[in-house]
Amino acid sequence: MPHVELPSGIRIRYDERGPRDGRPLVLAHGFSVGLEMWFPQMHVLSQQYRLICWDARGHGGSSAPAEVESYTMPALASDLRGLLEALDAADGAVVGGMSFGGQIVTQYAVDHPDDTYAVIVSDSTTRGSDSPPRPSRSFEEWAGDPGMEGCMRAMRERPDLTRALTTLDVPALLIVGMQDDMILSGFHGISNALPRRRVVYLDGCGHGTSGQRPREWNQAVLDFLRDVDAGAALGEDITL
């Protein structure tokens, strides 16, 4: 797969498919996986959109800097910005992500609201004041892996964007599993903050809705983007 070398020295692996003149739709994967997690979405979404999937730093075929301190959520969002600029896809992009990737694209939308057409946040929420206490160290299974330790650090220490989201005038789709105990307890942090959002609850799903019910996940994304294009009002909660 191709790579982009960013000015920061970070090398990002990506996959691009669909019409070159279509609206960019970029998807950021979850923690400890890679862009291949989006295989169930690639064919369907690339029919209408210029679909770009990528490996975050520390994952897959992208760079994994040795300095754990270099992994922050703003840095990961900056990597995404650099990738989209290198591909001439930053203007008017739809940015989406799952869990860890949802945190990246939420940061990206806050940092670059004028260039973000819409945001899709799946299986993720803000850090909120009622979040569980942050662990003091990395999980032992990842010890010695700077990419995994660094990205866990980025998640633990990410800025709380709850207040910033209240002024984000960007259409947002939130997708969450109705059995996702990890996310639902704090889900109100993001669902109540965003002024222009649609929430889709997928029944029968825990964490990882895009893989557990891909057909419904894909259709929820297509329906949302169709309604955004049409200028339809948002704000509803939908259960599928």
Protein backbone atom coordinates (compact mmCIF):
# COMPACT_ATOMS: atom_id res chain seq x y z
CA MET A 1 0.00 0.00 0.00
CA PRO A 2 1.15 3.59 -0.56
CA HIS A 3 2.66 5.83 2.09
CA VAL A 4 2.94 9.57 2.66
CA GLU A 5 5.98 11.13 4.30
CA LEU A 6 4.86 14.04 6.48
CA PRO A 7 7.06 17.10 7.13
CA SER A 8 7.27 15.94 10.77
CA GLY A 9 9.06 12.78 9.61
CA ILE A 10 6.09 10.53 10.33
CA ARG A 11 5.35 8.01 7.58
CA ILE A 12 1.65 7.20 7.13
CA ARG A 13 0.34 4.15 5.28
CA TYR A 14 -3.02 4.60 3.61
CA ASP A 15 -5.51 3.00 1.23
CA GLU A 16 -7.47 5.09 -1.26
CA ARG A 17 -10.30 3.98 -3.51
CA GLY A 18 -13.41 5.37 -5.17
CA PRO A 19 -13.89 8.36 -7.50
CA ARG A 20 -10.91 10.70 -7.43
CA ASP A 21 -13.25 13.69 -7.78
CA GLY A 22 -15.62 12.46 -5.06
CA ARG A 23 -15.92 14.02 -1.64
CA PRO A 24 -13.14 12.69 0.63
CA LEU A 25 -14.36 10.35 3.35
CA VAL A 26 -11.55 9.32 5.69
CA LEU A 27 -11.82 6.58 8.31
CA ALA A 28 -9.56 6.19 11.36
CA HIS A 29 -9.27 2.72 12.92
CA GLY A 30 -9.51 1.61 16.53
CA PHE A 31 -6.67 0.94 18.96
CA SER A 32 -4.25 -1.92 18.19
CA VAL A 33 -5.72 -2.68 14.74
CA GLY A 34 -5.13 -1.04 11.36
CA LEU A 35 -6.86 0.23 8.26
CA GLU A 36 -7.84 -3.34 7.36
CA MET A 37 -10.61 -3.15 9.97
CA TRP A 38 -12.55 -1.10 7.41
CA PHE A 39 -12.74 -3.90 4.81
CA PRO A 40 -16.50 -4.32 5.46
CA GLN A 41 -16.96 -0.64 4.57
CA MET A 42 -14.55 -0.22 1.67
CA HIS A 43 -16.61 -1.46 -1.27
CA VAL A 44 -19.89 0.16 -0.23
CA LEU A 45 -18.60 3.58 0.78
CA SER A 46 -16.17 3.92 -2.12
CA GLN A 47 -19.03 3.75 -4.63
CA GLN A 48 -19.98 7.35 -3.83
CA TYR A 49 -16.99 8.77 -1.97
CA ARG A 50 -13.26 9.11 -2.28
CA LEU A 51 -12.59 6.72 0.59
CA ILE A 52 -9.29 7.07 2.44
CA CYS A 53 -8.35 4.67 5.24
CA TRP A 54 -5.05 5.04 7.09
CA ASP A 55 -2.85 3.66 9.84
CA ALA A 56 -2.32 6.02 12.76
CA ARG A 57 1.23 6.46 14.02
CA GLY A 58 2.26 3.47 16.08
CA HIS A 59 0.00 1.14 14.08
CA GLY A 60 0.22 -1.05 11.00
CA GLY A 61 2.59 0.22 8.36
CA SER A 62 2.94 3.75 9.73
CA SER A 63 5.84 5.11 11.76
CA ALA A 64 6.13 4.21 15.43
CA PRO A 65 8.37 6.81 17.09
CA ALA A 66 10.33 5.51 20.07
CA GLU A 67 9.48 8.52 22.23
CA VAL A 68 6.21 7.70 24.01
CA GLU A 69 5.77 11.39 24.80
CA SER A 70 5.37 12.14 21.08
CA TYR A 71 1.99 10.40 21.05
CA THR A 72 -0.76 12.89 21.85
CA MET A 73 -4.25 13.27 20.47
CA PRO A 74 -3.44 16.67 18.90
CA ALA A 75 -0.36 15.08 17.26
CA LEU A 76 -2.46 12.23 15.86
CA ALA A 77 -4.99 14.73 14.51
CA SER A 78 -2.10 16.66 13.00
CA ASP A 79 -0.92 13.47 11.27
CA LEU A 80 -4.38 13.13 9.74
CA ARG A 81 -4.25 16.74 8.60
CA GLY A 82 -0.87 16.17 6.99
CA LEU A 83 -2.11 13.07 5.18
CA LEU A 84 -5.17 14.87 3.80
CA GLU A 85 -3.11 17.86 2.71
CA ALA A 86 -0.62 15.57 0.95
CA LEU A 87 -3.49 13.89 -0.90
CA ASP A 88 -5.21 17.21 -1.70
CA ALA A 89 -8.21 15.96 0.27
CA ALA A 90 -8.40 18.32 3.26
CA ASP A 91 -11.00 20.74 1.89
CA GLY A 92 -14.51 19.60 2.71
CA ALA A 93 -13.59 16.14 3.98
CA VAL A 94 -15.84 13.87 5.98
CA VAL A 95 -13.76 12.50 8.86
CA GLY A 96 -14.81 9.36 10.69
CA GLY A 97 -13.32 7.00 13.22
CA MET A 98 -13.98 4.14 15.61
CA SER A 99 -13.14 4.31 19.35
CA PHE A 100 -9.49 5.51 19.41
CA GLY A 101 -10.02 6.70 15.83
CA GLY A 102 -13.17 8.52 16.94
CA GLN A 103 -11.05 10.45 19.43
CA ILE A 104 -8.66 11.42 16.64
CA VAL A 105 -11.38 12.74 14.34
CA THR A 106 -13.14 14.57 17.16
CA GLN A 107 -9.86 16.38 17.84
CA TYR A 108 -9.44 16.98 14.11
CA ALA A 109 -12.92 18.51 13.78
CA VAL A 110 -12.27 20.84 16.71
CA ASP A 111 -8.89 21.85 15.27
CA HIS A 112 -10.12 22.25 11.66
CA PRO A 113 -13.85 23.03 11.73
CA ASP A 114 -13.85 25.15 8.57
CA ASP A 115 -12.47 22.31 6.46
CA THR A 116 -14.62 19.56 7.98
CA TYR A 117 -17.82 18.83 6.06
CA ALA A 118 -19.09 16.30 8.60
CA VAL A 119 -17.77 14.04 11.34
CA ILE A 120 -18.63 10.41 12.10
CA VAL A 121 -17.80 9.21 15.61
CA SER A 122 -18.35 5.49 16.18
CA ASP A 123 -18.02 3.75 19.55
CA SER A 124 -16.40 6.77 21.20
CA THR A 125 -17.08 9.71 23.47
CA THR A 126 -15.35 12.65 25.15
CA ARG A 127 -13.17 12.41 28.24
CA GLY A 128 -15.72 14.15 30.48
CA SER A 129 -15.35 15.01 34.15
CA ASP A 130 -17.08 11.76 35.13
CA SER A 131 -14.75 9.51 33.17
CA PRO A 132 -13.14 6.60 35.06
CA PRO A 133 -9.79 7.38 36.71
CA ARG A 134 -6.90 7.26 34.28
CA PRO A 135 -4.60 4.28 34.73
CA SER A 136 -1.17 5.21 36.06
CA ARG A 137 0.72 2.94 33.67
CA SER A 138 0.33 1.06 30.42
CA PHE A 139 -1.15 -2.41 30.26
CA GLU A 140 1.57 -5.02 30.66
CA GLU A 141 0.76 -6.75 27.37
CA TRP A 142 1.94 -3.66 25.50
CA ALA A 143 5.04 -2.99 27.58
CA GLY A 144 8.02 -2.21 25.39
CA ASP A 145 5.93 -1.38 22.31
CA PRO A 146 6.26 2.40 21.91
CA GLY A 147 3.39 2.64 19.45
CA MET A 148 0.89 0.91 21.71
CA GLU A 149 2.16 2.54 24.89
CA GLY A 150 2.23 5.92 23.19
CA CYS A 151 -1.30 5.66 21.82
CA MET A 152 -2.61 4.50 25.20
CA ARG A 153 -0.93 7.56 26.65
CA ALA A 154 -2.64 9.72 24.02
CA MET A 155 -6.03 8.30 24.96
CA ARG A 156 -5.46 8.64 28.70
CA GLU A 157 -4.21 12.21 28.50
CA ARG A 158 -6.30 13.54 25.63
CA PRO A 159 -7.87 16.97 26.12
CA ASP A 160 -11.46 17.01 27.29
CA LEU A 161 -13.26 18.47 24.26
CA THR A 162 -16.75 18.43 25.76
CA ARG A 163 -17.01 22.21 26.03
CA ALA A 164 -15.38 22.83 22.66
CA LEU A 165 -17.94 20.58 20.96
CA THR A 166 -20.83 22.79 22.10
CA THR A 167 -19.72 25.43 19.58
CA LEU A 168 -18.77 23.02 16.78
CA ASP A 169 -21.07 23.87 13.87
CA VAL A 170 -20.34 20.68 11.95
CA PRO A 171 -22.89 17.91 11.26
CA ALA A 172 -22.03 14.85 13.34
CA LEU A 173 -23.13 11.24 13.24
CA LEU A 174 -22.68 9.27 16.45
CA ILE A 175 -22.95 5.48 16.27
CA VAL A 176 -22.87 3.30 19.38
CA GLY A 177 -23.77 -0.25 20.31
CA MET A 178 -26.61 -0.68 22.76
CA GLN A 179 -24.55 -3.26 24.65
CA ASP A 180 -21.33 -1.24 24.69
CA ASP A 181 -20.77 -0.91 28.43
CA MET A 182 -17.41 0.77 27.86
CA ILE A 183 -18.90 3.75 26.01
CA LEU A 184 -22.55 4.12 27.04
CA SER A 185 -21.84 5.21 30.63
CA GLY A 186 -20.19 8.41 29.37
CA PHE A 187 -21.90 8.71 25.99
CA HIS A 188 -23.97 11.70 27.09
CA GLY A 189 -20.75 13.71 27.14
CA ILE A 190 -20.61 13.80 23.37
CA SER A 191 -24.28 13.31 22.48
CA ASN A 192 -25.40 16.27 24.59
CA ALA A 193 -22.52 18.52 23.57
CA LEU A 194 -22.82 18.49 19.79
CA PRO A 195 -25.42 20.96 18.50
CA ARG A 196 -25.90 19.27 15.10
CA ARG A 197 -25.87 15.55 15.65
CA ARG A 198 -27.71 12.35 14.87
CA VAL A 199 -27.32 9.34 17.16
CA VAL A 200 -27.72 5.81 15.83
CA TYR A 201 -27.94 3.03 18.42
CA LEU A 202 -27.23 -0.43 17.01
CA ASP A 203 -28.94 -3.16 18.97
CA GLY A 204 -27.08 -6.39 19.57
CA CYS A 205 -23.69 -4.66 19.38
CA GLY A 206 -20.96 -4.15 21.93
CA HIS A 207 -17.78 -2.25 21.13
CA GLY A 208 -17.02 -2.32 17.41
CA THR A 209 -20.32 -1.69 15.64
CA SER A 210 -18.83 -1.34 12.15
CA GLY A 211 -17.66 -4.95 12.23
CA GLN A 212 -20.60 -6.45 14.12
CA ARG A 213 -23.39 -4.97 11.97
CA PRO A 214 -21.57 -3.58 8.92
CA ARG A 215 -24.61 -3.38 6.65
CA GLU A 216 -26.54 -1.22 9.10
CA TRP A 217 -23.44 0.81 9.95
CA ASN A 218 -22.75 1.55 6.30
CA GLN A 219 -26.36 2.48 5.61
CA ALA A 220 -26.44 4.79 8.63
CA VAL A 221 -23.40 6.63 7.23
CA LEU A 222 -24.87 6.90 3.72
CA ASP A 223 -28.25 8.08 5.02
CA PHE A 224 -26.59 10.68 7.24
CA LEU A 225 -24.42 12.08 4.45
CA ARG A 226 -27.39 12.16 2.07
CA ASP A 227 -29.35 14.18 4.63
CA VAL A 228 -26.42 16.52 5.26
CA ASP A 229 -26.17 17.15 1.51
CA ALA A 230 -29.91 17.91 1.44
CA GLY A 231 -29.69 20.30 4.40
CA ALA A 232 -32.01 18.14 6.51
CA ALA A 233 -32.38 18.88 10.21
CA LEU A 234 -30.53 16.64 12.65
CA GLY A 235 -31.01 15.97 16.34
CA GLU A 236 -32.83 12.68 16.33
CA ASP A 237 -31.96 9.41 18.05
CA ILE A 238 -32.46 6.25 15.94
CA THR A 239 -32.37 2.65 17.10
CA LEU A 240 -31.68 -0.09 14.53
